C-alpha atoms as a PDB file:
ATOM      1  CA  MET A   1     -26.373  40.550  26.472  1.00  0.00           C
ATOM      2  CA  ASP A   2     -25.463  42.114  22.943  1.00  0.00           C
ATOM      3  CA  LEU A   3     -24.601  39.744  20.270  1.00  0.00           C
ATOM      4  CA  SER A   4     -21.209  41.280  20.316  1.00  0.00           C
ATOM      5  CA  GLN A   5     -20.805  40.651  24.619  1.00  0.00           C
ATOM      6  CA  ASN A   6     -22.092  37.810  24.416  1.00  0.00           C
ATOM      7  CA  ILE A   7     -19.916  36.013  21.315  1.00  0.00           C
ATOM      8  CA  GLY A   8     -17.861  37.859  23.208  1.00  0.00           C
ATOM      9  CA  ASN A   9     -18.593  35.727  26.530  1.00  0.00           C
ATOM     10  CA  VAL A  10     -18.408  32.863  24.094  1.00  0.00           C
ATOM     11  CA  ILE A  11     -14.580  33.109  23.133  1.00  0.00           C
ATOM     12  CA  GLU A  12     -13.187  33.931  27.177  1.00  0.00           C
ATOM     13  CA  LEU A  13     -15.421  30.332  27.577  1.00  0.00           C
ATOM     14  CA  VAL A  14     -13.966  28.643  24.868  1.00  0.00           C
ATOM     15  CA  ARG A  15     -10.081  29.961  25.279  1.00  0.00           C
ATOM     16  CA  LYS A  16      -9.543  28.714  28.748  1.00  0.00           C
ATOM     17  CA  PHE A  17      -9.980  24.590  26.805  1.00  0.00           C
ATOM     18  CA  THR A  18      -8.120  25.131  24.236  1.00  0.00           C
ATOM     19  CA  VAL A  19      -4.639  24.220  24.225  1.00  0.00           C
ATOM     20  CA  LEU A  20      -0.889  24.718  22.235  1.00  0.00           C
ATOM     21  CA  VAL A  21      -0.130  21.418  21.589  1.00  0.00           C
ATOM     22  CA  GLY A  22       4.347  21.909  20.724  1.00  0.00           C
ATOM     23  CA  SER A  23       6.655  19.712  19.429  1.00  0.00           C
ATOM     24  CA  GLY A  24       9.780  19.806  20.566  1.00  0.00           C
ATOM     25  CA  ARG A  25      10.905  23.774  20.093  1.00  0.00           C
ATOM     26  CA  GLU A  26       8.094  23.923  17.680  1.00  0.00           C
ATOM     27  CA  SER A  27       4.515  24.809  17.921  1.00  0.00           C
ATOM     28  CA  ALA A  28       2.015  21.881  16.476  1.00  0.00           C
ATOM     29  CA  GLY A  29      -1.359  23.135  16.631  1.00  0.00           C
ATOM     30  CA  SER A  30      -3.697  23.226  19.106  1.00  0.00           C
ATOM     31  CA  GLY A  31      -6.131  21.237  20.851  1.00  0.00           C
ATOM     32  CA  VAL A  32      -9.288  20.947  23.077  1.00  0.00           C
ATOM     33  CA  ILE A  33      -9.766  19.118  27.246  1.00  0.00           C
ATOM     34  CA  VAL A  34     -12.090  17.479  27.208  1.00  0.00           C
ATOM     35  CA  ASP A  35     -12.066  16.397  30.220  1.00  0.00           C
ATOM     36  CA  ALA A  36     -11.333  18.013  34.261  1.00  0.00           C
ATOM     37  CA  ASP A  37      -8.368  15.430  34.498  1.00  0.00           C
ATOM     38  CA  GLY A  38      -6.107  16.479  31.472  1.00  0.00           C
ATOM     39  CA  SER A  39      -7.828  14.737  28.464  1.00  0.00           C
ATOM     40  CA  ILE A  40      -6.913  16.259  25.533  1.00  0.00           C
ATOM     41  CA  VAL A  41      -8.254  15.859  21.684  1.00  0.00           C
ATOM     42  CA  THR A  42      -6.476  16.943  18.890  1.00  0.00           C
ATOM     43  CA  ASN A  43      -5.410  16.041  15.341  1.00  0.00           C
ATOM     44  CA  ALA A  44      -3.405  13.266  14.230  1.00  0.00           C
ATOM     45  CA  HIS A  45      -1.564  15.379  12.255  1.00  0.00           C
ATOM     46  CA  VAL A  46      -0.755  17.800  15.469  1.00  0.00           C
ATOM     47  CA  ALA A  47       0.387  14.950  17.862  1.00  0.00           C
ATOM     48  CA  ARG A  48       3.708  14.005  14.991  1.00  0.00           C
ATOM     49  CA  SER A  49       6.093  13.828  17.615  1.00  0.00           C
ATOM     50  CA  LEU A  50       7.043  11.414  20.161  1.00  0.00           C
ATOM     51  CA  HIS A  51       8.172  14.739  22.590  1.00  0.00           C
ATOM     52  CA  LEU A  52       4.807  16.737  22.570  1.00  0.00           C
ATOM     53  CA  THR A  53       4.053  19.007  25.297  1.00  0.00           C
ATOM     54  CA  VAL A  54       0.921  20.844  25.748  1.00  0.00           C
ATOM     55  CA  GLU A  55       0.559  24.691  27.283  1.00  0.00           C
ATOM     56  CA  VAL A  56      -2.748  25.520  29.208  1.00  0.00           C
ATOM     57  CA  TRP A  57      -4.917  28.977  29.078  1.00  0.00           C
ATOM     58  CA  ASP A  58      -3.046  30.390  32.066  1.00  0.00           C
ATOM     59  CA  GLY A  59       0.629  29.446  30.670  1.00  0.00           C
ATOM     60  CA  CYS A  60       1.319  26.355  32.463  1.00  0.00           C
ATOM     61  CA  THR A  61       3.280  24.217  30.129  1.00  0.00           C
ATOM     62  CA  PHE A  62       2.931  19.721  30.551  1.00  0.00           C
ATOM     63  CA  PRO A  63       4.000  17.177  29.054  1.00  0.00           C
ATOM     64  CA  ALA A  64       2.004  15.164  26.931  1.00  0.00           C
ATOM     65  CA  ALA A  65       0.905  11.515  26.682  1.00  0.00           C
ATOM     66  CA  LEU A  66      -0.267   9.783  23.247  1.00  0.00           C
ATOM     67  CA  LYS A  67      -3.147   7.744  24.531  1.00  0.00           C
ATOM     68  CA  ALA A  68      -4.347   6.948  20.728  1.00  0.00           C
ATOM     69  CA  LYS A  69      -4.019   7.869  17.481  1.00  0.00           C
ATOM     70  CA  ASP A  70      -5.728   6.970  14.614  1.00  0.00           C
ATOM     71  CA  GLN A  71      -4.350   8.419  11.106  1.00  0.00           C
ATOM     72  CA  ASN A  72      -7.640   7.590   9.251  1.00  0.00           C
ATOM     73  CA  GLN A  73     -10.138  10.260  11.092  1.00  0.00           C
ATOM     74  CA  ASP A  74      -6.568  12.742  12.084  1.00  0.00           C
ATOM     75  CA  LEU A  75      -7.639  12.003  15.603  1.00  0.00           C
ATOM     76  CA  ALA A  76      -5.196  11.036  19.124  1.00  0.00           C
ATOM     77  CA  LEU A  77      -6.083  11.221  21.772  1.00  0.00           C
ATOM     78  CA  LEU A  78      -3.241  13.180  24.886  1.00  0.00           C
ATOM     79  CA  SER A  79      -2.758  13.072  28.147  1.00  0.00           C
ATOM     80  CA  ILE A  80      -1.638  15.138  30.678  1.00  0.00           C
ATOM     81  CA  PRO A  81      -0.340  15.309  34.548  1.00  0.00           C
ATOM     82  CA  ALA A  82      -3.113  17.365  36.219  1.00  0.00           C
ATOM     83  CA  SER A  83      -6.343  17.958  37.373  1.00  0.00           C
ATOM     84  CA  GLY A  84      -9.208  20.672  38.350  1.00  0.00           C
ATOM     85  CA  LEU A  85      -9.097  21.351  34.779  1.00  0.00           C
ATOM     86  CA  PRO A  86     -11.795  23.549  32.398  1.00  0.00           C
ATOM     87  CA  HIS A  87     -12.578  21.147  29.964  1.00  0.00           C
ATOM     88  CA  ALA A  88     -15.378  21.374  26.492  1.00  0.00           C
ATOM     89  CA  THR A  89     -18.163  20.168  26.295  1.00  0.00           C
ATOM     90  CA  LEU A  90     -19.045  18.372  23.031  1.00  0.00           C
ATOM     91  CA  GLY A  91     -22.511  18.525  21.532  1.00  0.00           C
ATOM     92  CA  ASN A  92     -24.958  17.615  18.862  1.00  0.00           C
ATOM     93  CA  SER A  93     -23.105  17.915  15.450  1.00  0.00           C
ATOM     94  CA  GLN A  94     -26.221  16.764  13.860  1.00  0.00           C
ATOM     95  CA  ASP A  95     -28.237  19.968  14.441  1.00  0.00           C
ATOM     96  CA  LEU A  96     -25.681  21.650  13.035  1.00  0.00           C
ATOM     97  CA  ARG A  97     -27.507  24.303   9.693  1.00  0.00           C
ATOM     98  CA  VAL A  98     -26.133  25.965   7.774  1.00  0.00           C
ATOM     99  CA  GLY A  99     -25.467  29.650   8.391  1.00  0.00           C
ATOM    100  CA  GLU A 100     -24.860  28.758  12.104  1.00  0.00           C
ATOM    101  CA  LEU A 101     -22.952  31.053  13.664  1.00  0.00           C
ATOM    102  CA  VAL A 102     -19.812  29.797  14.977  1.00  0.00           C
ATOM    103  CA  VAL A 103     -16.301  30.323  16.172  1.00  0.00           C
ATOM    104  CA  ALA A 104     -12.655  29.077  16.138  1.00  0.00           C
ATOM    105  CA  VAL A 105      -9.565  29.101  18.800  1.00  0.00           C
ATOM    106  CA  GLY A 106      -6.716  28.382  17.892  1.00  0.00           C
ATOM    107  CA  ASN A 107      -2.930  29.411  17.763  1.00  0.00           C
ATOM    108  CA  PRO A 108      -2.152  30.363  14.127  1.00  0.00           C
ATOM    109  CA  PHE A 109       1.803  31.063  13.319  1.00  0.00           C
ATOM    110  CA  GLY A 110       1.585  31.332  17.406  1.00  0.00           C
ATOM    111  CA  PHE A 111      -0.848  33.963  17.826  1.00  0.00           C
ATOM    112  CA  LEU A 112      -2.019  32.349  21.353  1.00  0.00           C
ATOM    113  CA  GLY A 113      -5.895  32.369  21.786  1.00  0.00           C
ATOM    114  CA  ALA A 114      -6.585  33.693  18.592  1.00  0.00           C
ATOM    115  CA  ALA A 115     -10.045  33.727  17.706  1.00  0.00           C
ATOM    116  CA  SER A 116     -12.230  34.047  14.613  1.00  0.00           C
ATOM    117  CA  ILE A 117     -16.065  34.493  13.950  1.00  0.00           C
ATOM    118  CA  GLY A 118     -17.759  33.192  10.498  1.00  0.00           C
ATOM    119  CA  VAL A 119     -21.027  30.569   9.686  1.00  0.00           C
ATOM    120  CA  ILE A 120     -21.639  27.455   8.599  1.00  0.00           C
ATOM    121  CA  HIS A 121     -20.972  27.169   4.383  1.00  0.00           C
ATOM    122  CA  SER A 122     -22.211  23.407   4.039  1.00  0.00           C
ATOM    123  CA  ILE A 123     -21.993  19.941   5.631  1.00  0.00           C
ATOM    124  CA  GLY A 124     -21.682  16.441   3.934  1.00  0.00           C
ATOM    125  CA  ARG A 125     -18.578  15.320   2.102  1.00  0.00           C
ATOM    126  CA  ILE A 126     -15.776  16.293  -0.143  1.00  0.00           C
ATOM    127  CA  PRO A 127     -15.957  14.207  -3.309  1.00  0.00           C
ATOM    128  CA  TRP A 128     -11.518  13.414  -3.499  1.00  0.00           C
ATOM    129  CA  MET A 129     -12.037  12.858   0.283  1.00  0.00           C
ATOM    130  CA  GLY A 130     -13.518   9.710   0.886  1.00  0.00           C
ATOM    131  CA  THR A 131     -17.177   8.948   2.702  1.00  0.00           C
ATOM    132  CA  SER A 132     -16.461  10.976   5.760  1.00  0.00           C
ATOM    133  CA  GLU A 133     -18.640  13.837   6.629  1.00  0.00           C
ATOM    134  CA  TRP A 134     -17.284  17.163   7.658  1.00  0.00           C
ATOM    135  CA  ILE A 135     -17.817  21.032   8.543  1.00  0.00           C
ATOM    136  CA  ARG A 136     -17.942  23.703   6.151  1.00  0.00           C
ATOM    137  CA  SER A 137     -17.009  27.582   7.575  1.00  0.00           C
ATOM    138  CA  ASP A 138     -16.132  31.213   5.994  1.00  0.00           C
ATOM    139  CA  LEU A 139     -13.633  31.017   9.138  1.00  0.00           C
ATOM    140  CA  LYS A 140     -10.300  32.280   8.796  1.00  0.00           C
ATOM    141  CA  LEU A 141      -7.868  29.333   9.488  1.00  0.00           C
ATOM    142  CA  ALA A 142      -4.510  29.029   9.712  1.00  0.00           C
ATOM    143  CA  PRO A 143      -1.659  26.623  10.129  1.00  0.00           C
ATOM    144  CA  GLY A 144      -1.817  26.915  14.374  1.00  0.00           C
ATOM    145  CA  ASN A 145      -5.204  26.651  14.580  1.00  0.00           C
ATOM    146  CA  SER A 146      -5.211  22.510  13.767  1.00  0.00           C
ATOM    147  CA  GLY A 147      -6.914  20.437  16.485  1.00  0.00           C
ATOM    148  CA  GLY A 148      -8.612  23.571  17.745  1.00  0.00           C
ATOM    149  CA  PRO A 149     -12.613  24.000  18.860  1.00  0.00           C
ATOM    150  CA  LEU A 150     -14.797  24.755  16.399  1.00  0.00           C
ATOM    151  CA  ALA A 151     -17.687  25.871  18.773  1.00  0.00           C
ATOM    152  CA  ASN A 152     -21.656  27.139  18.669  1.00  0.00           C
ATOM    153  CA  ALA A 153     -23.085  30.252  19.822  1.00  0.00           C
ATOM    154  CA  GLU A 154     -23.397  28.272  23.182  1.00  0.00           C
ATOM    155  CA  GLY A 155     -19.373  27.297  23.096  1.00  0.00           C
ATOM    156  CA  HIS A 156     -20.288  24.323  22.280  1.00  0.00           C
ATOM    157  CA  VAL A 157     -17.796  22.037  20.292  1.00  0.00           C
ATOM    158  CA  ILE A 158     -19.426  21.014  17.350  1.00  0.00           C
ATOM    159  CA  GLY A 159     -15.822  20.272  14.936  1.00  0.00           C
ATOM    160  CA  LEU A 160     -12.525  20.055  15.632  1.00  0.00           C
ATOM    161  CA  ASN A 161     -10.860  22.500  12.782  1.00  0.00           C
ATOM    162  CA  THR A 162      -8.508  20.475  10.789  1.00  0.00           C
ATOM    163  CA  MET A 163      -7.792  21.798   7.051  1.00  0.00           C
ATOM    164  CA  ILE A 164      -8.132  24.474   4.731  1.00  0.00           C
ATOM    165  CA  ILE A 165      -9.520  23.747   1.097  1.00  0.00           C
ATOM    166  CA  ASP A 166     -10.984  26.726  -1.769  1.00  0.00           C
ATOM    167  CA  ARG A 167     -10.450  29.465   1.294  1.00  0.00           C
ATOM    168  CA  LEU A 168     -12.502  27.576   3.739  1.00  0.00           C
ATOM    169  CA  GLY A 169     -12.271  26.261   6.819  1.00  0.00           C
ATOM    170  CA  VAL A 170     -12.700  22.644   7.367  1.00  0.00           C
ATOM    171  CA  ALA A 171     -13.602  20.172  10.633  1.00  0.00           C
ATOM    172  CA  ILE A 172     -14.107  17.181  12.021  1.00  0.00           C
ATOM    173  CA  PRO A 173     -17.688  17.133  13.278  1.00  0.00           C
ATOM    174  CA  SER A 174     -18.226  16.468  16.513  1.00  0.00           C
ATOM    175  CA  ASN A 175     -20.062  13.263  17.057  1.00  0.00           C
ATOM    176  CA  ILE A 176     -17.001  11.583  15.075  1.00  0.00           C
ATOM    177  CA  VAL A 177     -14.680  13.189  18.090  1.00  0.00           C
ATOM    178  CA  LYS A 178     -16.562  11.879  20.716  1.00  0.00           C
ATOM    179  CA  ARG A 179     -17.009   7.598  18.691  1.00  0.00           C
ATOM    180  CA  PHE A 180     -13.217   8.177  18.713  1.00  0.00           C
ATOM    181  CA  ILE A 181     -12.747   9.670  22.192  1.00  0.00           C
ATOM    182  CA  GLU A 182     -14.922   7.069  24.370  1.00  0.00           C
ATOM    183  CA  PRO A 183     -13.083   3.543  22.786  1.00  0.00           C
ATOM    184  CA  ALA A 184      -9.500   5.647  22.356  1.00  0.00           C
ATOM    185  CA  LYS A 185     -10.155   6.678  26.569  1.00  0.00           C
ATOM    186  CA  SER A 186     -11.227   2.604  27.144  1.00  0.00           C
ATOM    187  CA  ASN A 187      -7.577   1.570  25.539  1.00  0.00           C
ATOM    188  CA  GLU A 188      -6.900   2.545  29.819  1.00  0.00           C
ATOM    189  CA  LYS A 189      -8.245  -0.458  30.890  1.00  0.00           C
ATOM    190  CA  LEU A 190      -5.982  -1.942  29.419  1.00  0.00           C
ATOM    191  CA  GLY A 191      -2.959   0.356  30.496  1.00  0.00           C
ATOM    192  CA  VAL A 192      -1.970   0.561  26.925  1.00  0.00           C
ATOM    193  CA  ALA A 193      -1.943   3.216  23.845  1.00  0.00           C
ATOM    194  CA  VAL A 194      -2.867   2.494  20.370  1.00  0.00           C
ATOM    195  CA  ARG A 195      -2.681   4.013  16.680  1.00  0.00           C
ATOM    196  CA  ALA A 196      -4.869   2.353  13.639  1.00  0.00           C
ATOM    197  CA  VAL A 197      -3.629   0.464  11.710  1.00  0.00           C
ATOM    198  CA  ASN A 198      -4.870  -1.267   8.296  1.00  0.00           C
ATOM    199  CA  LEU A 199      -4.992  -4.703   7.264  1.00  0.00           C
ATOM    200  CA  ASN A 200      -5.726  -7.319   5.385  1.00  0.00           C
ATOM    201  CA  ILE A 201      -5.541 -11.103   6.709  1.00  0.00           C
ATOM    202  CA  ASP A 202      -6.828 -13.862   4.859  1.00  0.00           C
ATOM    203  CA  GLY A 203      -8.526 -11.462   2.237  1.00  0.00           C
ATOM    204  CA  GLU A 204     -10.110 -10.113   5.348  1.00  0.00           C
ATOM    205  CA  ARG A 205      -9.843  -6.000   5.428  1.00  0.00           C
ATOM    206  CA  CYS A 206      -9.782  -5.126   8.609  1.00  0.00           C
ATOM    207  CA  ILE A 207      -8.945  -2.504  11.003  1.00  0.00           C
ATOM    208  CA  GLY A 208      -5.427  -3.520  13.897  1.00  0.00           C
ATOM    209  CA  PHE A 209      -4.563  -2.124  16.938  1.00  0.00           C
ATOM    210  CA  LEU A 210      -0.792  -0.874  17.228  1.00  0.00           C
ATOM    211  CA  ILE A 211       0.486  -0.593  20.558  1.00  0.00           C
ATOM    212  CA  LEU A 212       2.566   2.257  20.827  1.00  0.00           C
ATOM    213  CA  GLU A 213       2.954   1.649  24.756  1.00  0.00           C
ATOM    214  CA  ILE A 214       2.361  -0.514  27.843  1.00  0.00           C
ATOM    215  CA  VAL A 215       1.521   0.696  31.216  1.00  0.00           C
ATOM    216  CA  ALA A 216       3.292  -1.159  34.193  1.00  0.00           C
ATOM    217  CA  GLY A 217       1.681  -3.261  35.923  1.00  0.00           C
ATOM    218  CA  SER A 218      -1.351  -2.855  33.985  1.00  0.00           C
ATOM    219  CA  PRO A 219      -3.900  -6.527  32.004  1.00  0.00           C
ATOM    220  CA  ALA A 220      -1.908  -5.902  29.400  1.00  0.00           C
ATOM    221  CA  GLU A 221       1.699  -6.014  30.493  1.00  0.00           C
ATOM    222  CA  THR A 222       0.279  -9.274  32.761  1.00  0.00           C
ATOM    223  CA  ALA A 223      -1.110 -10.742  29.579  1.00  0.00           C
ATOM    224  CA  SER A 224       2.650 -10.262  27.816  1.00  0.00           C
ATOM    225  CA  LEU A 225       1.795  -8.163  25.514  1.00  0.00           C
ATOM    226  CA  LEU A 226       4.839  -6.049  24.176  1.00  0.00           C
ATOM    227  CA  PRO A 227       4.857  -2.761  21.924  1.00  0.00           C
ATOM    228  CA  GLY A 228       4.788  -4.120  18.111  1.00  0.00           C
ATOM    229  CA  ASP A 229       2.356  -6.526  18.851  1.00  0.00           C
ATOM    230  CA  ILE A 230      -0.842  -4.983  16.932  1.00  0.00           C
ATOM    231  CA  LEU A 231      -4.874  -6.021  18.852  1.00  0.00           C
ATOM    232  CA  ILE A 232      -6.301  -7.479  15.487  1.00  0.00           C
ATOM    233  CA  GLY A 233      -9.431  -8.775  16.972  1.00  0.00           C
ATOM    234  CA  ASP A 234     -11.764 -11.020  19.713  1.00  0.00           C
ATOM    235  CA  ASP A 235     -13.759 -14.307  19.338  1.00  0.00           C
ATOM    236  CA  HIS A 236     -16.292 -12.635  18.178  1.00  0.00           C
ATOM    237  CA  GLY A 237     -14.344 -11.970  15.153  1.00  0.00           C
ATOM    238  CA  ALA A 238     -12.131  -9.198  13.252  1.00  0.00           C
ATOM    239  CA  PHE A 239     -12.078  -5.179  14.326  1.00  0.00           C
ATOM    240  CA  HIS A 240     -13.496  -3.088  12.019  1.00  0.00           C
ATOM    241  CA  SER A 241     -13.406  -0.533  14.087  1.00  0.00           C
ATOM    242  CA  SER A 242     -12.879   1.738  17.280  1.00  0.00           C
ATOM    243  CA  GLU A 243     -15.777   0.490  18.824  1.00  0.00           C
ATOM    244  CA  ASP A 244     -15.395  -2.975  18.364  1.00  0.00           C
ATOM    245  CA  LEU A 245     -12.186  -2.388  20.469  1.00  0.00           C
ATOM    246  CA  TYR A 246     -14.470  -0.682  23.196  1.00  0.00           C
ATOM    247  CA  GLU A 247     -17.039  -3.104  22.825  1.00  0.00           C
ATOM    248  CA  ALA A 248     -14.429  -6.444  23.192  1.00  0.00           C
ATOM    249  CA  ILE A 249     -13.149  -4.767  26.279  1.00  0.00           C
ATOM    250  CA  SER A 250     -16.514  -2.981  27.913  1.00  0.00           C
ATOM    251  CA  GLY A 251     -18.711  -4.651  30.263  1.00  0.00           C
ATOM    252  CA  GLU A 252     -19.938  -5.186  34.171  1.00  0.00           C
ATOM    253  CA  GLY A 253     -17.638  -5.973  36.747  1.00  0.00           C
ATOM    254  CA  GLU A 254     -14.052  -7.445  37.103  1.00  0.00           C
ATOM    255  CA  ARG A 255     -13.845 -10.230  34.480  1.00  0.00           C
ATOM    256  CA  VAL A 256     -10.791 -11.527  31.651  1.00  0.00           C
ATOM    257  CA  VAL A 257     -11.285 -10.702  28.055  1.00  0.00           C
ATOM    258  CA  ARG A 258      -9.384 -12.786  25.557  1.00  0.00           C
ATOM    259  CA  LEU A 259      -8.283 -10.568  22.595  1.00  0.00           C
ATOM    260  CA  ARG A 260      -5.809 -11.998  19.115  1.00  0.00           C
ATOM    261  CA  PHE A 261      -3.285 -10.260  18.126  1.00  0.00           C
ATOM    262  CA  MET A 262      -0.370 -10.402  15.451  1.00  0.00           C
ATOM    263  CA  ARG A 263       3.136 -10.376  16.249  1.00  0.00           C
ATOM    264  CA  GLY A 264       6.118  -9.647  14.027  1.00  0.00           C
ATOM    265  CA  ASN A 265       4.935  -8.728  10.388  1.00  0.00           C
ATOM    266  CA  SER A 266       1.598  -7.287   9.656  1.00  0.00           C
ATOM    267  CA  THR A 267       1.889  -9.567   7.092  1.00  0.00           C
ATOM    268  CA  GLN A 268       2.910 -12.968   8.073  1.00  0.00           C
ATOM    269  CA  GLY A 269       3.049 -12.109  11.590  1.00  0.00           C
ATOM    270  CA  ARG A 270       1.641 -14.778  13.845  1.00  0.00           C
ATOM    271  CA  ILE A 271      -0.734 -14.836  15.377  1.00  0.00           C
ATOM    272  CA  THR A 272      -2.222 -15.769  19.160  1.00  0.00           C
ATOM    273  CA  THR A 273      -4.501 -15.329  21.897  1.00  0.00           C
ATOM    274  CA  ALA A 274      -3.698 -12.670  24.966  1.00  0.00           C
ATOM    275  CA  LEU A 275      -6.011 -13.545  28.416  1.00  0.00           C
ATOM    276  CA  LEU A 276      -6.868  -9.617  29.560  1.00  0.00           C
ATOM    277  CA  GLY A 277      -7.489 -10.371  33.268  1.00  0.00           C
ATOM    278  CA  SER A 278      -9.527  -8.462  35.964  1.00  0.00           C
ATOM    279  CA  LEU A 279     -10.335  -5.555  33.526  1.00  0.00           C
ATOM    280  CA  ARG A 280     -12.636  -3.941  35.376  1.00  0.00           C
ATOM    281  CA  ASN A 281     -15.639  -1.662  33.814  1.00  0.00           C
ATOM    282  CA  LYS A 282     -14.013   1.492  35.532  1.00  0.00           C
ATOM    283  CA  ALA A 283     -10.787   2.506  33.728  1.00  0.00           C
ATOM    284  CA  ALA A 284      -7.910   1.665  35.918  1.00  0.00           C
END
């Protein structure tokens, strides 16, 4: 099989797990199906509407629920009522090399499933963009590619295209995406959709998780949590990352979890404790 035929096959594979994320009557960007049951990862700036839709590769459109959102990492997890979907394999972004061939698929300017081919330009920090590492490539991206996959020659997703800087495509590495997805999906155990927020509590900088939505009959509802409450920690201390929340509710068997939360003003709210019972090691 020659190179052009192989790349053509990779593009067809990637197109099948790339979706169009819509906001009202307008397309907002792209997304990547990460499991067969309708979980989709995209950029937080793409999932900016309260009324999101997702169009999959065969043209079917579904309403999308926001499950988690992290503005700091520019990541969001959506869910659609579908099953048996073709989904991405997330590769190891630490294995990337400069000069490696990559493929991007997305929906720029309304062109569904448009593809672009290029190479990795550089990997690492961008001076004015904090301490996170980024993947930069010479792909020709445009508005509408945001949230779509950056894949290697095997069709494994190694990044999530996010922006264009100095004519280079910038993507969030897949290992960062993985670390966001697993804790975000674990929120289903609680029955909540959350968004990470920065807090300063008694002089300590930490991360809270603002509850956006609570599932009826879930442990969160039983514990009398409400939308607008902010989860701030557990018996081991304050949360400093999404992994801390994940660890707090992970474990074997059925158990009770004690979480601290804030209700009211984010700087002067009342801090109390919620007991969340019947948490299991598999998401409900």
